[in-house]
Amino acid sequence: MIESKDKKHLNVLKELNLGGKIRGLRLKKGLTLKDVSEKTGFSTALLSQIENNIVSPPISTLWKVAQALDVKLTYFFQQSPVEHQDYFIVRKGKGKSIFRHESRYAITYSSLGYGKEDRKMDPYIAQFTGEEEPMEALGHDGEEFLYVLKGRIHLTYGDRVIILEEGDSIYYDSRVMHMARGSADTVLLAVVYTGKSNSKEGRKN
């Protein structure tokens, strides 16, 4: 039987139609599953499952797909066009939630900048549950800033492990392979800068 949290997650996936957005963008760019497979290193079978909303990719996988399709990660979580303006407010508790894994919620991200077009930063609140799951170090263009709001994390950065406690922060080059593990109920403010603006078309996303 599917547990209530799994049902909630499946409802979120259905609402976002993540796979449909990936397929639509891939076709718009004239790419085959094989093309994306070669760019990401993922099998065409896995990519097909993602596009059909059978498998929900963890953030590290989705990030590689976004890079292969030349868009920002948050492109896939934009649900409707937002009128262009110079600022965008996200009220308390209203961030766009992004579940990290299809069955075990080790990390839930809430995007705080999803409604602002042409942005070059992506701010998130990251909530750890403490559940174990396979994780993968990730490297990508840009820079990142992390601030521990609650709890502690172990940040693997290259060949180093850095422990950050509540109130600690770190700013680093995100081209270096990195991965964060947190204890239960750890909460982070994470800001990712890629240098690319985020609009609704092509490279600017």
N, C-alpha and C. Protein backbone atom coordinates (compact mmCIF):
# COMPACT_ATOMS: atom_id res chain seq x y z
N MET A 1 0.84 -1.20 0.00
CA MET A 1 0.00 0.00 0.00
C MET A 1 0.88 1.24 0.00
N ILE A 2 0.49 2.24 -0.78
CA ILE A 2 1.25 3.48 -0.83
C ILE A 2 0.96 4.32 0.39
N GLU A 3 2.00 4.75 1.08
CA GLU A 3 1.83 5.56 2.27
C GLU A 3 1.37 6.95 1.90
N SER A 4 0.82 7.66 2.89
CA SER A 4 0.26 8.98 2.63
C SER A 4 1.28 9.95 2.08
N LYS A 5 2.54 9.89 2.58
CA LYS A 5 3.56 10.81 2.08
C LYS A 5 3.91 10.48 0.63
N ASP A 6 3.84 9.19 0.25
CA ASP A 6 4.08 8.81 -1.13
C ASP A 6 2.96 9.33 -2.01
N LYS A 7 1.71 9.24 -1.52
CA LYS A 7 0.57 9.75 -2.27
C LYS A 7 0.73 11.26 -2.50
N LYS A 8 1.17 11.95 -1.45
CA LYS A 8 1.37 13.40 -1.56
C LYS A 8 2.41 13.69 -2.61
N HIS A 9 3.49 12.90 -2.60
CA HIS A 9 4.57 13.11 -3.56
C HIS A 9 4.10 12.85 -4.98
N LEU A 10 3.33 11.76 -5.18
CA LEU A 10 2.82 11.44 -6.51
C LEU A 10 1.89 12.54 -7.01
N ASN A 11 1.11 13.13 -6.10
CA ASN A 11 0.23 14.24 -6.49
C ASN A 11 1.04 15.45 -6.94
N VAL A 12 2.15 15.70 -6.23
CA VAL A 12 3.02 16.81 -6.61
C VAL A 12 3.60 16.58 -8.00
N LEU A 13 4.06 15.34 -8.26
CA LEU A 13 4.63 15.00 -9.57
C LEU A 13 3.60 15.18 -10.67
N LYS A 14 2.37 14.72 -10.41
CA LYS A 14 1.31 14.84 -11.40
C LYS A 14 1.02 16.30 -11.70
N GLU A 15 0.99 17.10 -10.66
CA GLU A 15 0.70 18.52 -10.82
C GLU A 15 1.81 19.22 -11.61
N LEU A 16 3.06 18.88 -11.34
CA LEU A 16 4.17 19.52 -12.04
C LEU A 16 4.36 18.99 -13.45
N ASN A 17 3.95 17.73 -13.71
CA ASN A 17 4.17 17.08 -15.01
C ASN A 17 5.63 17.24 -15.43
N LEU A 18 6.51 16.88 -14.52
CA LEU A 18 7.95 17.05 -14.73
C LEU A 18 8.42 16.34 -15.99
N GLY A 19 7.98 15.08 -16.15
CA GLY A 19 8.41 14.32 -17.32
C GLY A 19 7.94 14.93 -18.62
N GLY A 20 6.71 15.42 -18.61
CA GLY A 20 6.17 16.06 -19.81
C GLY A 20 6.94 17.30 -20.21
N LYS A 21 7.36 18.06 -19.21
CA LYS A 21 8.14 19.27 -19.49
C LYS A 21 9.51 18.91 -20.07
N ILE A 22 10.12 17.84 -19.54
CA ILE A 22 11.42 17.41 -20.04
C ILE A 22 11.28 16.95 -21.49
N ARG A 23 10.27 16.12 -21.76
CA ARG A 23 10.07 15.64 -23.12
C ARG A 23 9.77 16.79 -24.08
N GLY A 24 8.90 17.70 -23.65
CA GLY A 24 8.56 18.83 -24.51
C GLY A 24 9.76 19.68 -24.87
N LEU A 25 10.60 19.94 -23.89
CA LEU A 25 11.79 20.76 -24.14
C LEU A 25 12.79 20.00 -25.02
N ARG A 26 12.93 18.70 -24.76
CA ARG A 26 13.85 17.89 -25.57
C ARG A 26 13.44 17.90 -27.04
N LEU A 27 12.14 17.71 -27.28
CA LEU A 27 11.65 17.70 -28.66
C LEU A 27 11.77 19.08 -29.30
N LYS A 28 11.52 20.11 -28.51
CA LYS A 28 11.63 21.47 -29.02
C LYS A 28 13.05 21.76 -29.49
N LYS A 29 14.02 21.17 -28.81
CA LYS A 29 15.42 21.37 -29.17
C LYS A 29 15.91 20.37 -30.21
N GLY A 30 15.01 19.48 -30.66
CA GLY A 30 15.37 18.53 -31.70
C GLY A 30 16.31 17.44 -31.24
N LEU A 31 16.23 17.07 -29.97
CA LEU A 31 17.12 16.05 -29.41
C LEU A 31 16.39 14.73 -29.22
N THR A 32 17.09 13.63 -29.43
CA THR A 32 16.55 12.31 -29.16
C THR A 32 16.92 11.89 -27.74
N LEU A 33 16.29 10.82 -27.27
CA LEU A 33 16.68 10.28 -25.97
C LEU A 33 18.14 9.87 -25.97
N LYS A 34 18.61 9.36 -27.09
CA LYS A 34 20.00 8.96 -27.20
C LYS A 34 20.92 10.17 -27.06
N ASP A 35 20.53 11.30 -27.66
CA ASP A 35 21.33 12.53 -27.54
C ASP A 35 21.47 12.93 -26.07
N VAL A 36 20.35 12.92 -25.35
CA VAL A 36 20.37 13.31 -23.95
C VAL A 36 21.14 12.28 -23.12
N SER A 37 21.02 11.02 -23.49
CA SER A 37 21.76 9.97 -22.81
C SER A 37 23.27 10.19 -22.92
N GLU A 38 23.71 10.57 -24.11
CA GLU A 38 25.14 10.81 -24.32
C GLU A 38 25.62 12.03 -23.55
N LYS A 39 24.75 13.02 -23.38
CA LYS A 39 25.13 14.25 -22.67
C LYS A 39 25.16 14.04 -21.15
N THR A 40 24.29 13.16 -20.65
CA THR A 40 24.15 12.99 -19.21
C THR A 40 24.83 11.74 -18.66
N GLY A 41 24.98 10.72 -19.52
CA GLY A 41 25.51 9.44 -19.05
C GLY A 41 24.43 8.52 -18.53
N PHE A 42 23.16 8.94 -18.57
CA PHE A 42 22.05 8.12 -18.12
C PHE A 42 21.53 7.27 -19.28
N SER A 43 20.97 6.11 -18.98
CA SER A 43 20.45 5.23 -20.02
C SER A 43 19.19 5.81 -20.63
N THR A 44 18.91 5.45 -21.88
CA THR A 44 17.69 5.91 -22.53
C THR A 44 16.47 5.34 -21.80
N ALA A 45 16.60 4.15 -21.21
CA ALA A 45 15.49 3.54 -20.48
C ALA A 45 15.12 4.40 -19.27
N LEU A 46 16.13 4.86 -18.52
CA LEU A 46 15.87 5.71 -17.36
C LEU A 46 15.26 7.03 -17.80
N LEU A 47 15.81 7.63 -18.84
CA LEU A 47 15.29 8.91 -19.33
C LEU A 47 13.84 8.78 -19.79
N SER A 48 13.52 7.64 -20.43
CA SER A 48 12.15 7.40 -20.86
C SER A 48 11.21 7.28 -19.67
N GLN A 49 11.66 6.61 -18.61
CA GLN A 49 10.84 6.48 -17.39
C GLN A 49 10.61 7.84 -16.75
N ILE A 50 11.64 8.69 -16.76
CA ILE A 50 11.50 10.04 -16.20
C ILE A 50 10.49 10.83 -17.01
N GLU A 51 10.60 10.76 -18.34
CA GLU A 51 9.69 11.52 -19.20
C GLU A 51 8.25 11.06 -19.08
N ASN A 52 8.05 9.80 -18.71
CA ASN A 52 6.70 9.25 -18.55
C ASN A 52 6.21 9.33 -17.11
N ASN A 53 6.95 10.08 -16.28
CA ASN A 53 6.58 10.28 -14.88
C ASN A 53 6.47 8.96 -14.10
N ILE A 54 7.23 7.95 -14.54
CA ILE A 54 7.29 6.68 -13.82
C ILE A 54 8.32 6.77 -12.70
N VAL A 55 9.40 7.49 -12.97
CA VAL A 55 10.48 7.69 -12.01
C VAL A 55 10.66 9.18 -11.78
N SER A 56 10.75 9.56 -10.51
CA SER A 56 11.05 10.94 -10.15
C SER A 56 12.54 11.07 -9.91
N PRO A 57 13.25 11.85 -10.70
CA PRO A 57 14.71 11.92 -10.55
C PRO A 57 15.12 12.71 -9.33
N PRO A 58 16.18 12.28 -8.63
CA PRO A 58 16.75 13.11 -7.57
C PRO A 58 17.31 14.39 -8.19
N ILE A 59 17.56 15.37 -7.35
CA ILE A 59 18.02 16.66 -7.84
C ILE A 59 19.29 16.55 -8.68
N SER A 60 20.23 15.68 -8.25
CA SER A 60 21.49 15.56 -8.99
C SER A 60 21.25 15.06 -10.41
N THR A 61 20.31 14.14 -10.58
CA THR A 61 19.97 13.62 -11.91
C THR A 61 19.27 14.69 -12.73
N LEU A 62 18.30 15.36 -12.11
CA LEU A 62 17.54 16.39 -12.83
C LEU A 62 18.45 17.54 -13.25
N TRP A 63 19.44 17.84 -12.41
CA TRP A 63 20.36 18.92 -12.73
C TRP A 63 21.15 18.59 -14.00
N LYS A 64 21.58 17.34 -14.13
CA LYS A 64 22.32 16.94 -15.33
C LYS A 64 21.43 17.01 -16.57
N VAL A 65 20.16 16.63 -16.41
CA VAL A 65 19.23 16.71 -17.53
C VAL A 65 19.03 18.17 -17.93
N ALA A 66 18.90 19.05 -16.92
CA ALA A 66 18.74 20.48 -17.20
C ALA A 66 19.95 21.02 -17.95
N GLN A 67 21.16 20.62 -17.53
CA GLN A 67 22.36 21.07 -18.21
C GLN A 67 22.41 20.56 -19.64
N ALA A 68 21.98 19.32 -19.85
CA ALA A 68 21.98 18.74 -21.20
C ALA A 68 21.01 19.48 -22.11
N LEU A 69 19.91 19.99 -21.53
CA LEU A 69 18.90 20.70 -22.31
C LEU A 69 19.13 22.21 -22.27
N ASP A 70 20.22 22.64 -21.60
CA ASP A 70 20.63 24.04 -21.56
C ASP A 70 19.59 24.96 -20.92
N VAL A 71 19.05 24.50 -19.80
CA VAL A 71 18.13 25.33 -19.03
C VAL A 71 18.53 25.26 -17.56
N LYS A 72 17.94 26.14 -16.75
CA LYS A 72 18.17 26.09 -15.32
C LYS A 72 17.22 25.07 -14.69
N LEU A 73 17.60 24.54 -13.56
CA LEU A 73 16.82 23.51 -12.88
C LEU A 73 15.38 23.95 -12.65
N THR A 74 15.19 25.19 -12.25
CA THR A 74 13.86 25.66 -11.89
C THR A 74 12.93 25.81 -13.08
N TYR A 75 13.45 25.68 -14.30
CA TYR A 75 12.60 25.70 -15.50
C TYR A 75 11.49 24.65 -15.36
N PHE A 76 11.84 23.49 -14.81
CA PHE A 76 10.89 22.38 -14.75
C PHE A 76 9.83 22.55 -13.67
N PHE A 77 10.02 23.51 -12.76
CA PHE A 77 9.08 23.68 -11.67
C PHE A 77 8.24 24.95 -11.82
N GLN A 78 8.41 25.62 -12.96
CA GLN A 78 7.59 26.80 -13.24
C GLN A 78 6.25 26.31 -13.77
N GLN A 79 5.17 26.59 -13.08
CA GLN A 79 3.88 26.04 -13.45
C GLN A 79 3.09 26.93 -14.40
N SER A 80 3.29 28.21 -14.34
CA SER A 80 2.53 29.10 -15.20
C SER A 80 3.32 30.38 -15.41
N PRO A 81 3.10 31.06 -16.55
CA PRO A 81 3.83 32.31 -16.80
C PRO A 81 3.53 33.34 -15.71
N VAL A 82 4.54 34.08 -15.34
CA VAL A 82 4.39 35.13 -14.33
C VAL A 82 4.66 36.47 -14.99
N GLU A 83 3.78 37.42 -14.72
CA GLU A 83 3.96 38.74 -15.32
C GLU A 83 5.32 39.31 -14.93
N HIS A 84 6.04 39.83 -15.92
CA HIS A 84 7.38 40.34 -15.66
C HIS A 84 7.32 41.53 -14.70
N GLN A 85 8.17 41.52 -13.70
CA GLN A 85 8.32 42.64 -12.79
C GLN A 85 9.71 42.60 -12.20
N ASP A 86 10.11 43.71 -11.58
CA ASP A 86 11.47 43.82 -11.07
C ASP A 86 11.67 43.06 -9.77
N TYR A 87 10.60 42.67 -9.11
CA TYR A 87 10.73 41.94 -7.86
C TYR A 87 9.64 40.88 -7.78
N PHE A 88 9.87 39.89 -6.93
CA PHE A 88 8.87 38.84 -6.73
C PHE A 88 8.94 38.41 -5.27
N ILE A 89 7.81 38.47 -4.59
CA ILE A 89 7.75 38.16 -3.16
C ILE A 89 7.22 36.74 -2.95
N VAL A 90 7.90 35.98 -2.12
CA VAL A 90 7.41 34.67 -1.69
C VAL A 90 7.10 34.77 -0.20
N ARG A 91 5.83 34.68 0.14
CA ARG A 91 5.43 34.79 1.54
C ARG A 91 5.81 33.53 2.32
N LYS A 92 5.86 33.65 3.61
CA LYS A 92 6.25 32.56 4.50
C LYS A 92 5.46 31.30 4.19
N GLY A 93 6.20 30.20 3.97
CA GLY A 93 5.57 28.92 3.72
C GLY A 93 5.02 28.73 2.32
N LYS A 94 5.26 29.69 1.42
CA LYS A 94 4.70 29.63 0.08
C LYS A 94 5.74 29.29 -0.99
N GLY A 95 6.94 28.86 -0.59
CA GLY A 95 7.94 28.47 -1.57
C GLY A 95 7.47 27.26 -2.37
N LYS A 96 7.95 27.14 -3.61
CA LYS A 96 7.57 26.02 -4.46
C LYS A 96 8.33 24.77 -4.04
N SER A 97 7.61 23.75 -3.55
CA SER A 97 8.25 22.55 -3.02
C SER A 97 8.73 21.63 -4.14
N ILE A 98 9.93 21.07 -3.94
CA ILE A 98 10.53 20.14 -4.89
C ILE A 98 11.01 18.94 -4.08
N PHE A 99 10.41 17.78 -4.28
CA PHE A 99 10.85 16.58 -3.57
C PHE A 99 12.07 16.00 -4.26
N ARG A 100 13.02 15.54 -3.47
CA ARG A 100 14.29 15.10 -4.02
C ARG A 100 14.28 13.66 -4.51
N HIS A 101 13.45 12.80 -3.97
CA HIS A 101 13.50 11.39 -4.32
C HIS A 101 12.09 10.84 -4.42
N GLU A 102 11.90 9.82 -5.26
CA GLU A 102 10.54 9.35 -5.54
C GLU A 102 9.89 8.61 -4.38
N SER A 103 10.66 8.06 -3.45
CA SER A 103 10.02 7.29 -2.40
C SER A 103 10.50 7.64 -0.99
N ARG A 104 11.68 8.23 -0.88
CA ARG A 104 12.23 8.55 0.44
C ARG A 104 12.68 10.00 0.43
N TYR A 105 12.08 10.80 1.26
CA TYR A 105 12.28 12.24 1.19
C TYR A 105 13.47 12.68 2.04
N ALA A 106 14.67 12.39 1.58
CA ALA A 106 15.85 12.79 2.32
C ALA A 106 15.99 14.30 2.35
N ILE A 107 15.66 14.96 1.26
CA ILE A 107 15.73 16.42 1.21
C ILE A 107 14.53 16.94 0.43
N THR A 108 13.88 17.95 0.97
CA THR A 108 12.82 18.66 0.25
C THR A 108 13.28 20.09 0.05
N TYR A 109 13.25 20.55 -1.19
CA TYR A 109 13.65 21.92 -1.51
C TYR A 109 12.40 22.77 -1.73
N SER A 110 12.42 23.98 -1.21
CA SER A 110 11.39 24.96 -1.51
C SER A 110 12.05 26.13 -2.23
N SER A 111 11.69 26.31 -3.49
CA SER A 111 12.27 27.38 -4.29
C SER A 111 11.67 28.72 -3.86
N LEU A 112 12.53 29.70 -3.60
CA LEU A 112 12.09 31.03 -3.17
C LEU A 112 12.16 32.05 -4.29
N GLY A 113 12.63 31.63 -5.47
CA GLY A 113 12.79 32.59 -6.56
C GLY A 113 12.11 32.16 -7.84
N TYR A 114 11.25 31.12 -7.76
CA TYR A 114 10.69 30.52 -8.96
C TYR A 114 9.86 31.49 -9.81
N GLY A 115 9.32 32.54 -9.23
CA GLY A 115 8.45 33.44 -9.98
C GLY A 115 9.15 34.62 -10.61
N LYS A 116 10.44 34.79 -10.37
CA LYS A 116 11.17 35.93 -10.90
C LYS A 116 11.89 35.55 -12.19
N GLU A 117 11.48 36.19 -13.28
CA GLU A 117 12.14 35.93 -14.55
C GLU A 117 13.51 36.61 -14.60
N ASP A 118 14.34 36.14 -15.53
CA ASP A 118 15.66 36.74 -15.79
C ASP A 118 16.56 36.75 -14.55
N ARG A 119 16.33 35.82 -13.64
CA ARG A 119 17.17 35.79 -12.44
C ARG A 119 18.46 35.02 -12.72
N LYS A 120 19.50 35.37 -11.99
CA LYS A 120 20.77 34.67 -12.12
C LYS A 120 21.11 33.89 -10.85
N MET A 121 20.25 34.02 -9.84
CA MET A 121 20.41 33.27 -8.61
C MET A 121 19.17 32.41 -8.37
N ASP A 122 19.35 31.26 -7.75
CA ASP A 122 18.23 30.42 -7.35
C ASP A 122 18.32 30.15 -5.86
N PRO A 123 17.48 30.80 -5.06
CA PRO A 123 17.49 30.56 -3.61
C PRO A 123 16.51 29.46 -3.21
N TYR A 124 16.91 28.63 -2.26
CA TYR A 124 16.08 27.54 -1.78
C TYR A 124 16.14 27.47 -0.26
N ILE A 125 15.08 26.91 0.32
CA ILE A 125 15.14 26.38 1.68
C ILE A 125 15.19 24.87 1.53
N ALA A 126 16.21 24.23 2.11
CA ALA A 126 16.37 22.78 2.02
C ALA A 126 16.09 22.17 3.38
N GLN A 127 15.15 21.23 3.42
CA GLN A 127 14.75 20.56 4.65
C GLN A 127 15.20 19.10 4.60
N PHE A 128 16.02 18.67 5.56
CA PHE A 128 16.48 17.28 5.64
C PHE A 128 15.56 16.49 6.57
N THR A 129 15.30 15.22 6.23
CA THR A 129 14.49 14.37 7.11
C THR A 129 15.34 13.39 7.88
N GLY A 130 16.59 13.17 7.43
CA GLY A 130 17.46 12.23 8.09
C GLY A 130 17.34 10.83 7.55
N GLU A 131 16.41 10.58 6.60
CA GLU A 131 16.29 9.25 6.00
C GLU A 131 17.46 9.00 5.06
N GLU A 132 17.95 7.76 5.03
CA GLU A 132 19.08 7.43 4.18
C GLU A 132 18.61 7.17 2.76
N GLU A 133 19.41 7.55 1.79
CA GLU A 133 19.16 7.25 0.40
C GLU A 133 20.47 7.37 -0.36
N PRO A 134 20.61 6.68 -1.48
CA PRO A 134 21.83 6.84 -2.27
C PRO A 134 21.95 8.29 -2.72
N MET A 135 23.12 8.86 -2.55
CA MET A 135 23.34 10.23 -2.96
C MET A 135 24.56 10.30 -3.86
N GLU A 136 24.62 11.34 -4.65
CA GLU A 136 25.68 11.46 -5.64
C GLU A 136 26.27 12.86 -5.58
N ALA A 137 27.59 12.96 -5.54
CA ALA A 137 28.23 14.27 -5.58
C ALA A 137 27.94 14.93 -6.92
N LEU A 138 27.84 16.25 -6.90
CA LEU A 138 27.46 16.99 -8.08
C LEU A 138 28.39 18.17 -8.29
N GLY A 139 28.77 18.41 -9.53
CA GLY A 139 29.53 19.59 -9.89
C GLY A 139 28.86 20.29 -11.04
N HIS A 140 28.83 21.62 -11.01
CA HIS A 140 28.18 22.38 -12.09
C HIS A 140 28.75 23.79 -12.11
N ASP A 141 28.52 24.50 -13.18
CA ASP A 141 29.03 25.86 -13.29
C ASP A 141 28.41 26.75 -12.21
N GLY A 142 29.18 27.75 -11.78
CA GLY A 142 28.63 28.74 -10.87
C GLY A 142 29.21 28.69 -9.47
N GLU A 143 28.46 29.26 -8.54
CA GLU A 143 28.86 29.35 -7.14
C GLU A 143 27.65 29.06 -6.27
N GLU A 144 27.91 28.67 -5.02
CA GLU A 144 26.82 28.39 -4.09
C GLU A 144 27.12 29.00 -2.73
N PHE A 145 26.03 29.33 -2.04
CA PHE A 145 26.13 29.82 -0.67
C PHE A 145 25.16 29.00 0.17
N LEU A 146 25.64 28.48 1.30
CA LEU A 146 24.80 27.72 2.22
C LEU A 146 24.85 28.37 3.60
N TYR A 147 23.71 28.46 4.26
CA TYR A 147 23.62 28.96 5.63
C TYR A 147 22.75 27.99 6.41
N VAL A 148 23.29 27.47 7.50
CA VAL A 148 22.56 26.48 8.30
C VAL A 148 21.61 27.21 9.25
N LEU A 149 20.32 27.07 9.00
CA LEU A 149 19.30 27.69 9.84
C LEU A 149 19.01 26.86 11.08
N LYS A 150 19.14 25.52 10.92
CA LYS A 150 18.83 24.61 12.03
C LYS A 150 19.60 23.31 11.83
N GLY A 151 20.15 22.74 12.90
CA GLY A 151 20.82 21.45 12.82
C GLY A 151 22.26 21.56 12.36
N ARG A 152 22.73 20.51 11.64
CA ARG A 152 24.10 20.49 11.14
C ARG A 152 24.14 19.69 9.84
N ILE A 153 25.17 19.97 9.02
CA ILE A 153 25.38 19.20 7.80
C ILE A 153 26.84 18.77 7.70
N HIS A 154 27.05 17.69 6.96
CA HIS A 154 28.38 17.27 6.55
C HIS A 154 28.47 17.54 5.05
N LEU A 155 29.28 18.50 4.69
CA LEU A 155 29.43 18.87 3.28
C LEU A 155 30.69 18.23 2.73
N THR A 156 30.53 17.31 1.79
CA THR A 156 31.67 16.76 1.07
C THR A 156 32.00 17.71 -0.07
N TYR A 157 33.21 18.26 -0.05
CA TYR A 157 33.63 19.24 -1.05
C TYR A 157 34.97 18.78 -1.61
N GLY A 158 34.95 18.24 -2.84
CA GLY A 158 36.17 17.64 -3.36
C GLY A 158 36.55 16.46 -2.49
N ASP A 159 37.77 16.47 -1.94
CA ASP A 159 38.21 15.38 -1.07
C ASP A 159 38.14 15.75 0.41
N ARG A 160 37.42 16.83 0.72
CA ARG A 160 37.30 17.26 2.11
C ARG A 160 35.88 17.07 2.62
N VAL A 161 35.74 16.87 3.94
CA VAL A 161 34.43 16.84 4.59
C VAL A 161 34.38 17.99 5.58
N ILE A 162 33.44 18.88 5.40
CA ILE A 162 33.33 20.08 6.22
C ILE A 162 32.04 20.00 7.04
N ILE A 163 32.12 20.15 8.36
CA ILE A 163 30.95 20.12 9.22
C ILE A 163 30.49 21.55 9.48
N LEU A 164 29.23 21.80 9.24
CA LEU A 164 28.64 23.12 9.46
C LEU A 164 27.51 23.00 10.48
N GLU A 165 27.58 23.83 11.52
CA GLU A 165 26.58 23.84 12.57
C GLU A 165 25.61 25.00 12.35
N GLU A 166 24.57 25.03 13.18
CA GLU A 166 23.58 26.10 13.11
C GLU A 166 24.26 27.47 13.20
N GLY A 167 23.96 28.35 12.25
CA GLY A 167 24.56 29.67 12.22
C GLY A 167 25.81 29.76 11.36
N ASP A 168 26.36 28.59 10.95
CA ASP A 168 27.53 28.58 10.06
C ASP A 168 27.10 28.77 8.61
N SER A 169 28.02 29.26 7.80
CA SER A 169 27.74 29.41 6.38
C SER A 169 28.99 29.11 5.58
N ILE A 170 28.80 28.85 4.30
CA ILE A 170 29.92 28.58 3.41
C ILE A 170 29.58 29.08 2.02
N TYR A 171 30.56 29.63 1.34
CA TYR A 171 30.45 30.11 -0.03
C TYR A 171 31.51 29.37 -0.83
N TYR A 172 31.14 28.69 -1.92
CA TYR A 172 32.12 27.87 -2.62
C TYR A 172 31.89 27.83 -4.13
N ASP A 173 32.94 27.43 -4.82
CA ASP A 173 32.91 27.23 -6.26
C ASP A 173 32.20 25.91 -6.53
N SER A 174 31.03 25.96 -7.17
CA SER A 174 30.24 24.75 -7.34
C SER A 174 30.70 23.86 -8.49
N ARG A 175 31.79 24.26 -9.16
CA ARG A 175 32.37 23.37 -10.16
C ARG A 175 33.06 22.19 -9.49
N VAL A 176 33.45 22.37 -8.24
CA VAL A 176 34.04 21.27 -7.47
C VAL A 176 32.92 20.32 -7.06
N MET A 177 33.15 19.00 -7.19
CA MET A 177 32.13 18.03 -6.82
C MET A 177 31.76 18.19 -5.35
N HIS A 178 30.46 18.24 -5.06
CA HIS A 178 30.02 18.49 -3.70
C HIS A 178 28.73 17.74 -3.40
N MET A 179 28.48 17.51 -2.11
CA MET A 179 27.31 16.77 -1.66
C MET A 179 27.09 17.09 -0.18
N ALA A 180 25.84 17.33 0.19
CA ALA A 180 25.52 17.66 1.58
C ALA A 180 24.67 16.56 2.20
N ARG A 181 25.01 16.17 3.43
CA ARG A 181 24.19 15.25 4.20
C ARG A 181 23.81 15.94 5.50
N GLY A 182 22.54 15.82 5.88
CA GLY A 182 22.09 16.49 7.08
C GLY A 182 21.40 15.56 8.05
N SER A 183 21.42 15.94 9.32
CA SER A 183 20.69 15.19 10.33
C SER A 183 19.21 15.53 10.22
N ALA A 184 18.37 14.74 10.89
CA ALA A 184 16.94 14.96 10.82
C ALA A 184 16.56 16.38 11.21
N ASP A 185 15.68 16.96 10.42
CA ASP A 185 15.13 18.31 10.65
C ASP A 185 16.15 19.43 10.44
N THR A 186 17.29 19.12 9.84
CA THR A 186 18.23 20.18 9.49
C THR A 186 17.62 21.04 8.38
N VAL A 187 17.79 22.35 8.50
CA VAL A 187 17.23 23.28 7.52
C VAL A 187 18.33 24.21 7.04
N LEU A 188 18.44 24.35 5.73
CA LEU A 188 19.44 25.23 5.12
C LEU A 188 18.79 26.30 4.27
N LEU A 189 19.47 27.44 4.18
CA LEU A 189 19.21 28.40 3.13
C LEU A 189 20.30 28.18 2.10
N ALA A 190 19.93 27.86 0.87
CA ALA A 190 20.91 27.62 -0.19
C ALA A 190 20.65 28.57 -1.34
N VAL A 191 21.71 29.23 -1.80
CA VAL A 191 21.60 30.13 -2.95
C VAL A 191 22.58 29.66 -4.02
N VAL A 192 22.05 29.36 -5.20
CA VAL A 192 22.86 28.87 -6.30
C VAL A 192 22.95 29.96 -7.37
N TYR A 193 24.17 30.29 -7.78
CA TYR A 193 24.40 31.28 -8.82
C TYR A 193 25.06 30.59 -10.01
N THR A 194 24.46 30.70 -11.18
CA THR A 194 25.02 30.05 -12.36
C THR A 194 25.56 31.04 -13.38
N GLY A 195 25.17 32.31 -13.24
CA GLY A 195 25.62 33.30 -14.21
C GLY A 195 24.72 33.39 -15.42
N LYS A 196 23.74 32.48 -15.52
CA LYS A 196 22.78 32.51 -16.62
C LYS A 196 21.47 33.07 -16.11
N SER A 197 20.85 33.93 -16.88
CA SER A 197 19.56 34.45 -16.48
C SER A 197 18.50 33.39 -16.70
N ASN A 198 17.35 33.54 -16.04
CA ASN A 198 16.29 32.56 -16.11
C ASN A 198 15.04 33.18 -16.71
N SER A 199 14.83 32.97 -18.01
CA SER A 199 13.59 33.40 -18.67
C SER A 199 12.95 32.18 -19.26
N LYS A 200 11.94 32.33 -20.11
CA LYS A 200 11.16 31.19 -20.55
C LYS A 200 11.69 30.54 -21.80
N GLU A 201 12.73 31.05 -22.40
CA GLU A 201 13.21 30.49 -23.64
C GLU A 201 14.66 30.08 -23.57
N GLY A 202 14.95 28.91 -24.13
CA GLY A 202 16.29 28.45 -24.45
C GLY A 202 17.33 28.69 -23.39
N ARG A 203 18.49 29.26 -23.81
CA ARG A 203 19.65 29.40 -22.96
C ARG A 203 19.39 30.27 -21.76
N LYS A 204 18.41 31.15 -21.83
CA LYS A 204 18.18 32.09 -20.74
C LYS A 204 17.45 31.47 -19.57
N ASN A 205 16.99 30.23 -19.68
CA ASN A 205 16.28 29.63 -18.58
C ASN A 205 17.23 29.25 -17.46
